Each structure stands twice: as structure tokens, then as C-alpha cells.
């Protein structure tokens, strides 16, 4: 059946090829599995104390399915999201929970998490400058969060513990009903 092999795509041969979107999605799926399945990976901080609820799993699955969606200022649909549009869309579609439209209003919703070490998957994480919230994401665990960062970038997972976002972190909230 030599004809069949001629129709198959050529394998990647260059080490410099960056991973495709599907490769990145598979790697993230493995990471998500470690977060959602108790004992499947090394948990740290408060995350080791309890397995995620069904609501948290639904939020994380919905959010991570949107990776690669383009940023769009004011966007609230999978055609494009801004940060609060993404968070609102995920909570509305995963759990039927309506959140305020903008990040600074979302920062008044739910219960404040005063100790960063107590963050749990599904918590809202807020960032800003000069004491004013201007960005929001959803904590996924292991020091990472999913968000729609800015113009020209897609929905992605970033570190809360190192780099740009670690210095902008302001607070976290746990949404009721999750």
C-alpha cells in the first residue's frame, strides 16, 4: 500500500520547528490531567488538600478549551476575548454564574483569598498598577493562570509566581457556587 503512505504528511525533520497548536494543546491536556486527577502529579500548597470539585473541573476545562483564542478589546465570545470577557464567558457557560463585566467589579465578587498560598484552581486572580485592578484571570493550579493578556496575544496560560504577572498580582477571590 505504497500509495497510502504518499498521502501522509511528511514528518517534521527540523529540531528548530516550534510545536504546533495541537502539540501545545496535548502538552497542556497532560498538565490539566495532573491538576484534575488527584495524585496524578506533584501538587503544592493548598492544592494538595482537596481534589477539585465538578464545578472547578468544568471551569478549567472550558477555560483551557479556549487557549489560542485571539484577544479582542471588549470581546466576550470565542471570536475574541478581553480578560474579563473570557472570565465571564467561562463562568457563565460552565456553571451559569453571571459575573460583573469588568475586572475591577469582579474584584468585589466572592470571598477574598488573603493568603496567596491558599489559592485553589478556579479562583479569580487580579492584577493591576498603582492599587487599581485592571486585569483578571482564572487560577489553574501549580502557580499558573489562564487569561486573555493583551492586544496581539491569544488566550494563554502564564505564571503567577515568576515574570511580568508575578509583580502585578494584587488579590484573589473565590466565586461562590463553584
N, C-alpha and C. Protein backbone atom coordinates (compact mmCIF):
# COMPACT_ATOMS: atom_id res chain seq x y z
N UNK A 1 0.82 -1.18 0.00
CA UNK A 1 0.00 0.00 0.00
C UNK A 1 0.86 1.25 0.00
N UNK A 2 1.74 1.33 -0.94
CA UNK A 2 2.65 2.46 -1.02
C UNK A 2 1.90 3.75 -1.32
N UNK A 3 0.79 3.68 -2.02
CA UNK A 3 0.04 4.89 -2.35
C UNK A 3 -0.46 5.59 -1.09
N UNK A 4 -0.86 4.81 -0.07
CA UNK A 4 -1.37 5.42 1.16
C UNK A 4 -0.29 6.24 1.86
N UNK A 5 0.93 5.73 1.90
CA UNK A 5 1.98 6.45 2.59
C UNK A 5 2.35 7.74 1.87
N UNK A 6 2.11 7.81 0.56
CA UNK A 6 2.42 9.03 -0.18
C UNK A 6 1.46 10.15 0.20
N UNK A 7 0.26 9.79 0.67
CA UNK A 7 -0.72 10.80 1.07
C UNK A 7 -0.48 11.31 2.48
N UNK A 8 0.33 10.61 3.25
CA UNK A 8 0.56 11.02 4.64
C UNK A 8 1.43 12.26 4.67
N UNK A 9 1.20 13.16 5.64
CA UNK A 9 2.02 14.36 5.73
C UNK A 9 3.46 13.98 6.09
N UNK A 10 4.38 14.75 5.57
CA UNK A 10 5.80 14.50 5.86
C UNK A 10 6.07 14.77 7.33
N UNK A 11 6.87 13.92 7.96
CA UNK A 11 7.19 14.16 9.36
C UNK A 11 8.08 15.38 9.49
N UNK A 12 8.01 16.02 10.68
CA UNK A 12 8.90 17.15 10.93
C UNK A 12 10.31 16.62 11.08
N UNK A 13 11.22 17.28 10.41
CA UNK A 13 12.61 16.83 10.49
C UNK A 13 13.52 17.86 11.14
N UNK A 14 13.08 19.07 11.27
CA UNK A 14 13.92 20.12 11.83
C UNK A 14 13.68 20.25 13.32
N UNK A 15 14.76 20.28 14.08
CA UNK A 15 14.65 20.46 15.53
C UNK A 15 14.17 21.86 15.85
N UNK A 16 14.39 22.81 14.95
CA UNK A 16 14.02 24.19 15.21
C UNK A 16 12.53 24.45 15.02
N UNK A 17 11.77 23.51 14.47
CA UNK A 17 10.34 23.69 14.32
C UNK A 17 9.71 23.90 15.67
N UNK A 18 8.89 24.95 15.80
CA UNK A 18 8.20 25.15 17.07
C UNK A 18 7.00 24.22 17.14
N UNK A 19 6.56 23.87 18.35
CA UNK A 19 5.42 22.96 18.46
C UNK A 19 4.18 23.58 17.82
N UNK A 20 3.40 22.75 17.17
CA UNK A 20 2.16 23.23 16.57
C UNK A 20 1.13 23.47 17.66
N UNK A 21 0.03 24.11 17.29
CA UNK A 21 -1.04 24.36 18.25
C UNK A 21 -1.52 23.04 18.86
N UNK A 22 -1.67 21.99 18.04
CA UNK A 22 -2.14 20.71 18.57
C UNK A 22 -1.11 20.09 19.52
N UNK A 23 0.19 20.28 19.25
CA UNK A 23 1.21 19.79 20.17
C UNK A 23 1.11 20.50 21.51
N UNK A 24 0.95 21.83 21.45
CA UNK A 24 0.82 22.60 22.69
C UNK A 24 -0.44 22.19 23.44
N UNK A 25 -1.52 21.94 22.72
CA UNK A 25 -2.77 21.53 23.36
C UNK A 25 -2.61 20.18 24.05
N UNK A 26 -1.89 19.26 23.42
CA UNK A 26 -1.65 17.96 24.05
C UNK A 26 -0.81 18.09 25.30
N UNK A 27 0.22 18.94 25.27
CA UNK A 27 1.04 19.15 26.46
C UNK A 27 0.20 19.74 27.58
N UNK A 28 -0.64 20.71 27.24
CA UNK A 28 -1.48 21.33 28.26
C UNK A 28 -2.53 20.36 28.78
N UNK A 29 -3.04 19.49 27.92
CA UNK A 29 -4.00 18.49 28.37
C UNK A 29 -3.37 17.58 29.42
N UNK A 30 -2.11 17.22 29.22
CA UNK A 30 -1.41 16.43 30.22
C UNK A 30 -1.28 17.19 31.52
N UNK A 31 -0.97 18.48 31.43
CA UNK A 31 -0.90 19.32 32.63
C UNK A 31 -2.26 19.40 33.31
N UNK A 32 -3.32 19.58 32.52
CA UNK A 32 -4.67 19.66 33.08
C UNK A 32 -5.04 18.35 33.77
N UNK A 33 -4.68 17.23 33.17
CA UNK A 33 -4.97 15.93 33.78
C UNK A 33 -4.30 15.83 35.15
N UNK A 34 -3.06 16.31 35.25
CA UNK A 34 -2.37 16.28 36.55
C UNK A 34 -3.11 17.13 37.58
N UNK A 35 -3.71 18.25 37.12
CA UNK A 35 -4.41 19.14 38.05
C UNK A 35 -5.76 18.57 38.47
N UNK A 36 -6.43 17.87 37.56
CA UNK A 36 -7.79 17.41 37.82
C UNK A 36 -7.87 16.03 38.45
N UNK A 37 -6.84 15.23 38.30
CA UNK A 37 -6.86 13.87 38.82
C UNK A 37 -6.00 13.82 40.08
N UNK A 38 -6.64 13.58 41.24
CA UNK A 38 -5.87 13.55 42.48
C UNK A 38 -4.73 12.55 42.40
N UNK A 39 -3.55 13.00 42.83
CA UNK A 39 -2.40 12.11 42.88
C UNK A 39 -1.70 11.90 41.55
N UNK A 40 -2.18 12.54 40.47
CA UNK A 40 -1.57 12.33 39.16
C UNK A 40 -0.31 13.14 38.97
N UNK A 41 -0.07 14.11 39.82
CA UNK A 41 1.13 14.93 39.70
C UNK A 41 1.50 15.49 41.05
N UNK A 42 2.58 16.22 41.09
CA UNK A 42 3.00 16.82 42.33
C UNK A 42 2.19 18.09 42.56
N UNK A 43 1.40 18.10 43.58
CA UNK A 43 0.65 19.30 43.94
C UNK A 43 1.46 20.07 44.96
N UNK A 44 1.20 21.35 45.06
CA UNK A 44 1.88 22.12 46.08
C UNK A 44 0.90 23.06 46.74
N UNK A 45 1.28 23.55 47.88
CA UNK A 45 0.48 24.48 48.67
C UNK A 45 -0.88 23.87 49.00
N UNK A 46 -1.92 24.69 49.04
CA UNK A 46 -3.24 24.24 49.46
C UNK A 46 -3.87 23.27 48.48
N UNK A 47 -3.36 23.22 47.26
CA UNK A 47 -3.94 22.37 46.23
C UNK A 47 -3.86 20.89 46.59
N UNK A 48 -2.94 20.51 47.44
CA UNK A 48 -2.78 19.11 47.82
C UNK A 48 -3.87 18.67 48.78
N UNK A 49 -4.59 19.62 49.36
CA UNK A 49 -5.56 19.30 50.40
C UNK A 49 -6.85 18.68 49.88
N UNK A 50 -7.29 19.03 48.69
CA UNK A 50 -8.57 18.52 48.21
C UNK A 50 -8.57 18.39 46.69
N UNK A 51 -9.32 17.43 46.21
CA UNK A 51 -9.50 17.26 44.77
C UNK A 51 -10.45 18.35 44.28
N UNK A 52 -10.27 18.83 43.06
CA UNK A 52 -11.17 19.85 42.53
C UNK A 52 -12.61 19.35 42.43
N UNK A 53 -13.55 20.24 42.70
CA UNK A 53 -14.96 19.90 42.58
C UNK A 53 -15.33 19.77 41.10
N UNK A 54 -16.53 19.26 40.87
CA UNK A 54 -17.03 19.16 39.50
C UNK A 54 -17.12 20.53 38.86
N UNK A 55 -17.53 21.54 39.64
CA UNK A 55 -17.62 22.90 39.13
C UNK A 55 -16.27 23.44 38.70
N UNK A 56 -15.25 23.20 39.52
CA UNK A 56 -13.90 23.65 39.18
C UNK A 56 -13.42 22.95 37.92
N UNK A 57 -13.65 21.65 37.82
CA UNK A 57 -13.24 20.91 36.62
C UNK A 57 -13.92 21.49 35.38
N UNK A 58 -15.19 21.83 35.50
CA UNK A 58 -15.93 22.39 34.38
C UNK A 58 -15.35 23.74 33.98
N UNK A 59 -15.05 24.58 34.96
CA UNK A 59 -14.46 25.90 34.67
C UNK A 59 -13.11 25.74 33.99
N UNK A 60 -12.25 24.88 34.53
CA UNK A 60 -10.92 24.70 33.95
C UNK A 60 -11.00 24.12 32.54
N UNK A 61 -11.84 23.14 32.34
CA UNK A 61 -11.98 22.53 31.01
C UNK A 61 -12.45 23.57 30.00
N UNK A 62 -13.45 24.36 30.39
CA UNK A 62 -13.99 25.38 29.48
C UNK A 62 -12.93 26.44 29.17
N UNK A 63 -12.21 26.88 30.20
CA UNK A 63 -11.19 27.92 30.00
C UNK A 63 -10.05 27.42 29.13
N UNK A 64 -9.55 26.23 29.41
CA UNK A 64 -8.41 25.71 28.65
C UNK A 64 -8.78 25.34 27.22
N UNK A 65 -10.05 25.05 26.98
CA UNK A 65 -10.50 24.78 25.61
C UNK A 65 -10.42 26.04 24.75
N UNK A 66 -10.33 27.20 25.39
CA UNK A 66 -10.30 28.47 24.66
C UNK A 66 -8.87 28.97 24.41
N UNK A 67 -7.87 28.19 24.78
CA UNK A 67 -6.49 28.58 24.52
C UNK A 67 -6.31 28.86 23.03
N UNK A 68 -5.59 29.92 22.73
CA UNK A 68 -5.36 30.26 21.33
C UNK A 68 -6.40 31.21 20.76
N UNK A 69 -7.48 31.47 21.49
CA UNK A 69 -8.49 32.43 21.02
C UNK A 69 -7.86 33.82 21.02
N UNK A 70 -8.06 34.60 19.97
CA UNK A 70 -7.42 35.91 19.92
C UNK A 70 -7.96 36.89 20.96
N UNK A 71 -7.09 37.82 21.37
CA UNK A 71 -7.50 38.91 22.24
C UNK A 71 -8.29 39.91 21.39
N UNK A 72 -9.37 40.40 21.96
CA UNK A 72 -10.14 41.47 21.31
C UNK A 72 -10.66 42.36 22.42
N UNK A 73 -10.29 43.63 22.41
CA UNK A 73 -10.76 44.57 23.43
C UNK A 73 -12.28 44.60 23.42
N UNK A 74 -12.87 44.41 24.59
CA UNK A 74 -14.32 44.37 24.71
C UNK A 74 -14.94 43.05 24.29
N UNK A 75 -14.11 42.07 23.88
CA UNK A 75 -14.62 40.80 23.37
C UNK A 75 -15.17 39.91 24.46
N UNK A 76 -16.30 39.27 24.17
CA UNK A 76 -16.96 38.40 25.13
C UNK A 76 -17.37 37.05 24.53
N UNK A 77 -16.84 36.74 23.34
CA UNK A 77 -17.20 35.50 22.66
C UNK A 77 -15.94 34.80 22.15
N UNK A 78 -16.07 33.53 21.76
CA UNK A 78 -14.90 32.82 21.22
C UNK A 78 -14.34 33.43 19.93
N UNK A 79 -14.99 34.45 19.37
CA UNK A 79 -14.40 35.17 18.25
C UNK A 79 -13.25 36.05 18.73
N UNK A 80 -13.24 36.36 20.02
CA UNK A 80 -12.19 37.18 20.63
C UNK A 80 -12.61 37.61 22.02
N UNK A 81 -11.65 37.62 22.96
CA UNK A 81 -11.93 37.97 24.36
C UNK A 81 -10.97 39.03 24.85
N UNK A 82 -11.48 39.89 25.74
CA UNK A 82 -10.57 40.62 26.61
C UNK A 82 -10.55 39.83 27.92
N UNK A 83 -9.77 40.27 28.89
CA UNK A 83 -9.58 39.43 30.09
C UNK A 83 -10.88 39.15 30.83
N UNK A 84 -11.67 40.19 31.09
CA UNK A 84 -12.91 39.97 31.84
C UNK A 84 -13.98 39.29 30.99
N UNK A 85 -13.92 39.52 29.68
CA UNK A 85 -14.85 38.83 28.78
C UNK A 85 -14.63 37.33 28.81
N UNK A 86 -13.36 36.92 28.84
CA UNK A 86 -13.02 35.49 28.93
C UNK A 86 -13.53 34.90 30.23
N UNK A 87 -13.22 35.54 31.35
CA UNK A 87 -13.61 35.02 32.66
C UNK A 87 -15.13 34.94 32.76
N UNK A 88 -15.82 35.99 32.35
CA UNK A 88 -17.28 35.99 32.39
C UNK A 88 -17.89 34.90 31.52
N UNK A 89 -17.35 34.74 30.32
CA UNK A 89 -17.83 33.71 29.40
C UNK A 89 -17.66 32.31 30.00
N UNK A 90 -16.49 32.05 30.58
CA UNK A 90 -16.22 30.73 31.15
C UNK A 90 -17.18 30.43 32.29
N UNK A 91 -17.34 31.32 33.23
CA UNK A 91 -18.21 31.06 34.38
C UNK A 91 -19.67 30.95 33.96
N UNK A 92 -20.11 31.78 33.01
CA UNK A 92 -21.49 31.73 32.54
C UNK A 92 -21.77 30.41 31.82
N UNK A 93 -20.86 29.98 30.96
CA UNK A 93 -21.10 28.77 30.16
C UNK A 93 -20.77 27.48 30.89
N UNK A 94 -19.86 27.52 31.83
CA UNK A 94 -19.51 26.31 32.58
C UNK A 94 -20.47 26.07 33.73
N UNK A 95 -20.92 27.14 34.40
CA UNK A 95 -21.71 26.97 35.63
C UNK A 95 -22.97 27.81 35.69
N UNK A 96 -23.22 28.65 34.70
CA UNK A 96 -24.38 29.53 34.74
C UNK A 96 -24.23 30.68 35.73
N UNK A 97 -22.99 30.99 36.12
CA UNK A 97 -22.73 32.07 37.07
C UNK A 97 -22.43 33.35 36.29
N UNK A 98 -23.22 34.39 36.56
CA UNK A 98 -23.01 35.69 35.94
C UNK A 98 -22.07 36.52 36.81
N UNK A 99 -20.99 36.98 36.23
CA UNK A 99 -20.04 37.83 36.92
C UNK A 99 -20.15 39.25 36.36
N UNK A 100 -19.72 40.26 37.12
CA UNK A 100 -19.70 41.62 36.57
C UNK A 100 -18.86 41.67 35.29
N UNK A 101 -19.09 42.65 34.46
CA UNK A 101 -18.44 42.71 33.15
C UNK A 101 -16.96 43.09 33.21
N UNK A 102 -16.55 43.95 34.13
CA UNK A 102 -15.16 44.41 34.12
C UNK A 102 -14.38 43.89 35.32
N UNK A 103 -13.07 43.78 35.17
CA UNK A 103 -12.22 43.16 36.18
C UNK A 103 -12.29 43.87 37.53
N UNK A 104 -12.32 45.19 37.56
CA UNK A 104 -12.35 45.88 38.86
C UNK A 104 -13.64 45.59 39.61
N UNK A 105 -14.76 45.35 38.90
CA UNK A 105 -16.01 44.96 39.56
C UNK A 105 -15.98 43.49 39.96
N UNK A 106 -15.34 42.65 39.14
CA UNK A 106 -15.19 41.24 39.51
C UNK A 106 -14.40 41.11 40.81
N UNK A 107 -13.48 42.05 41.05
CA UNK A 107 -12.63 42.01 42.25
C UNK A 107 -13.42 42.28 43.53
N UNK A 108 -14.71 42.57 43.39
CA UNK A 108 -15.58 42.76 44.55
C UNK A 108 -16.50 41.55 44.75
N UNK A 109 -16.36 40.54 43.91
CA UNK A 109 -17.23 39.36 43.90
C UNK A 109 -16.59 38.22 44.67
N UNK A 110 -17.40 37.48 45.41
CA UNK A 110 -16.91 36.29 46.09
C UNK A 110 -16.13 36.60 47.35
N UNK A 111 -15.43 35.59 47.83
CA UNK A 111 -14.68 35.68 49.08
C UNK A 111 -13.21 35.94 48.79
N UNK A 112 -12.64 36.94 49.47
CA UNK A 112 -11.23 37.27 49.28
C UNK A 112 -10.36 36.13 49.81
N UNK A 113 -9.31 35.83 49.08
CA UNK A 113 -8.30 34.86 49.50
C UNK A 113 -7.11 35.70 49.95
N UNK A 114 -6.93 35.79 51.26
CA UNK A 114 -5.91 36.69 51.80
C UNK A 114 -4.49 36.14 51.68
N UNK A 115 -4.35 34.84 51.67
CA UNK A 115 -3.02 34.22 51.62
C UNK A 115 -2.83 33.58 50.25
N UNK A 116 -1.86 34.05 49.52
CA UNK A 116 -1.58 33.53 48.17
C UNK A 116 -1.36 32.02 48.18
N UNK A 117 -0.85 31.50 49.29
CA UNK A 117 -0.62 30.05 49.41
C UNK A 117 -1.92 29.27 49.48
N UNK A 118 -3.04 29.93 49.69
CA UNK A 118 -4.34 29.27 49.77
C UNK A 118 -5.10 29.27 48.45
N UNK A 119 -4.48 29.74 47.39
CA UNK A 119 -5.15 29.73 46.08
C UNK A 119 -5.52 28.30 45.69
N UNK A 120 -6.69 28.17 45.09
CA UNK A 120 -7.15 26.88 44.59
C UNK A 120 -7.60 27.06 43.14
N UNK A 121 -7.53 25.99 42.38
CA UNK A 121 -7.97 26.03 40.99
C UNK A 121 -9.39 26.58 40.93
N UNK A 122 -9.63 27.47 39.98
CA UNK A 122 -10.93 28.10 39.80
C UNK A 122 -11.04 29.47 40.44
N UNK A 123 -10.09 29.83 41.30
CA UNK A 123 -10.11 31.17 41.91
C UNK A 123 -9.82 32.22 40.84
N UNK A 124 -10.37 33.41 41.05
CA UNK A 124 -10.06 34.53 40.18
C UNK A 124 -8.83 35.23 40.72
N UNK A 125 -7.89 35.55 39.85
CA UNK A 125 -6.68 36.26 40.24
C UNK A 125 -6.68 37.62 39.54
N UNK A 126 -6.32 38.66 40.30
CA UNK A 126 -6.41 40.03 39.82
C UNK A 126 -5.05 40.70 39.84
N UNK A 127 -4.84 41.56 38.85
CA UNK A 127 -3.58 42.24 38.65
C UNK A 127 -3.85 43.71 38.42
N UNK A 128 -2.84 44.52 38.67
CA UNK A 128 -3.01 45.95 38.41
C UNK A 128 -1.77 46.74 38.70
N UNK A 129 -1.96 48.04 38.63
CA UNK A 129 -0.90 49.00 38.88
C UNK A 129 -1.45 50.09 39.78
N UNK A 130 -0.60 50.61 40.61
CA UNK A 130 -0.95 51.74 41.47
C UNK A 130 -2.22 51.48 42.28
N UNK A 131 -2.39 50.24 42.73
CA UNK A 131 -3.52 49.89 43.58
C UNK A 131 -4.85 49.75 42.87
N UNK A 132 -4.86 49.76 41.54
CA UNK A 132 -6.11 49.66 40.79
C UNK A 132 -6.11 48.39 39.93
N UNK A 133 -7.12 47.54 40.13
CA UNK A 133 -7.26 46.31 39.35
C UNK A 133 -7.53 46.66 37.89
N UNK A 134 -6.77 46.01 36.98
CA UNK A 134 -7.02 46.23 35.56
C UNK A 134 -6.89 44.95 34.73
N UNK A 135 -6.77 43.79 35.42
CA UNK A 135 -6.64 42.53 34.69
C UNK A 135 -7.11 41.39 35.58
N UNK A 136 -7.69 40.35 34.95
CA UNK A 136 -8.18 39.19 35.69
C UNK A 136 -7.89 37.92 34.90
N UNK A 137 -7.69 36.83 35.64
CA UNK A 137 -7.51 35.52 35.05
C UNK A 137 -8.09 34.47 35.97
N UNK A 138 -8.04 33.21 35.55
CA UNK A 138 -8.55 32.09 36.34
C UNK A 138 -7.37 31.21 36.73
N UNK A 139 -7.20 31.02 38.03
CA UNK A 139 -6.11 30.20 38.54
C UNK A 139 -6.36 28.74 38.15
N UNK A 140 -5.35 28.09 37.57
CA UNK A 140 -5.49 26.69 37.15
C UNK A 140 -4.72 25.74 38.05
N UNK A 141 -3.90 26.28 38.93
CA UNK A 141 -3.11 25.45 39.83
C UNK A 141 -1.63 25.51 39.48
N UNK A 142 -0.82 24.98 40.38
CA UNK A 142 0.62 24.90 40.20
C UNK A 142 1.24 26.24 39.81
N UNK A 143 0.69 27.34 40.39
CA UNK A 143 1.26 28.66 40.15
C UNK A 143 0.96 29.26 38.80
N UNK A 144 -0.07 28.76 38.10
CA UNK A 144 -0.38 29.23 36.76
C UNK A 144 -1.83 29.68 36.65
N UNK A 145 -2.10 30.55 35.69
CA UNK A 145 -3.46 31.03 35.46
C UNK A 145 -3.70 31.20 33.97
N UNK A 146 -4.96 31.08 33.56
CA UNK A 146 -5.35 31.26 32.17
C UNK A 146 -5.97 32.65 32.05
N UNK A 147 -5.65 33.34 30.94
CA UNK A 147 -6.15 34.71 30.75
C UNK A 147 -6.01 35.13 29.29
N UNK A 148 -6.66 36.25 28.99
CA UNK A 148 -6.52 36.91 27.69
C UNK A 148 -5.64 38.13 27.94
N UNK A 149 -4.34 38.04 27.61
CA UNK A 149 -3.39 39.05 28.09
C UNK A 149 -3.51 40.45 27.50
N UNK A 150 -3.44 40.61 26.19
CA UNK A 150 -3.45 41.95 25.61
C UNK A 150 -3.51 41.86 24.09
N UNK A 151 -3.69 43.01 23.48
CA UNK A 151 -3.78 43.09 22.01
C UNK A 151 -2.58 42.39 21.37
N UNK A 152 -2.86 41.60 20.36
CA UNK A 152 -1.81 40.90 19.63
C UNK A 152 -1.44 39.56 20.24
N UNK A 153 -2.05 39.21 21.37
CA UNK A 153 -1.76 37.93 22.02
C UNK A 153 -3.05 37.13 22.14
N UNK A 154 -2.89 35.82 22.25
CA UNK A 154 -4.04 34.92 22.37
C UNK A 154 -4.24 34.49 23.81
N UNK A 155 -5.41 33.91 24.09
CA UNK A 155 -5.67 33.33 25.41
C UNK A 155 -4.55 32.33 25.69
N UNK A 156 -3.98 32.42 26.87
CA UNK A 156 -2.80 31.63 27.20
C UNK A 156 -2.76 31.32 28.70
N UNK A 157 -1.81 30.49 29.09
CA UNK A 157 -1.55 30.20 30.49
C UNK A 157 -0.22 30.86 30.84
N UNK A 158 -0.20 31.60 31.94
CA UNK A 158 1.00 32.31 32.39
C UNK A 158 1.31 31.95 33.84
N UNK A 159 2.52 32.28 34.25
CA UNK A 159 2.95 32.03 35.63
C UNK A 159 2.55 33.18 36.54
N UNK A 160 2.05 32.82 37.69
CA UNK A 160 1.71 33.78 38.72
C UNK A 160 2.91 34.02 39.63
N UNK A 161 3.88 33.13 39.57
CA UNK A 161 4.98 33.14 40.52
C UNK A 161 6.26 33.78 40.00
N UNK A 162 6.41 33.87 38.69
CA UNK A 162 7.62 34.47 38.12
C UNK A 162 7.23 35.36 36.95
N UNK A 163 8.12 36.23 36.56
CA UNK A 163 7.92 37.05 35.38
C UNK A 163 6.98 38.24 35.60
N UNK A 164 6.53 38.78 34.50
CA UNK A 164 5.74 40.01 34.47
C UNK A 164 4.55 39.98 35.42
N UNK A 165 3.75 38.94 35.35
CA UNK A 165 2.49 38.91 36.10
C UNK A 165 2.70 38.76 37.60
N UNK A 166 3.79 38.16 38.03
CA UNK A 166 4.02 37.99 39.47
C UNK A 166 4.14 39.35 40.16
N UNK A 167 4.73 40.31 39.49
CA UNK A 167 4.88 41.64 40.07
C UNK A 167 3.63 42.48 40.02
N UNK A 168 2.66 42.09 39.23
CA UNK A 168 1.41 42.85 39.08
C UNK A 168 0.26 42.26 39.90
N UNK A 169 0.49 41.06 40.50
CA UNK A 169 -0.57 40.40 41.26
C UNK A 169 -1.03 41.29 42.40
N UNK A 170 -2.36 41.42 42.57
CA UNK A 170 -2.92 42.24 43.64
C UNK A 170 -3.72 41.44 44.65
N UNK A 171 -4.62 40.57 44.15
CA UNK A 171 -5.51 39.85 45.04
C UNK A 171 -6.14 38.66 44.32
N UNK A 172 -6.87 37.86 45.11
CA UNK A 172 -7.60 36.72 44.53
C UNK A 172 -8.96 36.62 45.21
N UNK A 173 -9.91 36.02 44.52
CA UNK A 173 -11.27 35.83 45.02
C UNK A 173 -11.77 34.45 44.67
N UNK A 174 -12.55 33.88 45.56
CA UNK A 174 -13.19 32.58 45.31
C UNK A 174 -14.67 32.86 45.05
N UNK A 175 -15.14 32.50 43.86
CA UNK A 175 -16.52 32.73 43.47
C UNK A 175 -17.43 31.73 44.18
N UNK A 176 -18.53 32.22 44.70
CA UNK A 176 -19.48 31.33 45.38
C UNK A 176 -20.19 30.47 44.33
N UNK A 177 -20.48 29.25 44.70
CA UNK A 177 -21.19 28.35 43.81
C UNK A 177 -20.29 27.51 42.92
N UNK A 178 -19.00 27.59 43.15
CA UNK A 178 -18.08 26.80 42.33
C UNK A 178 -17.53 25.64 43.14
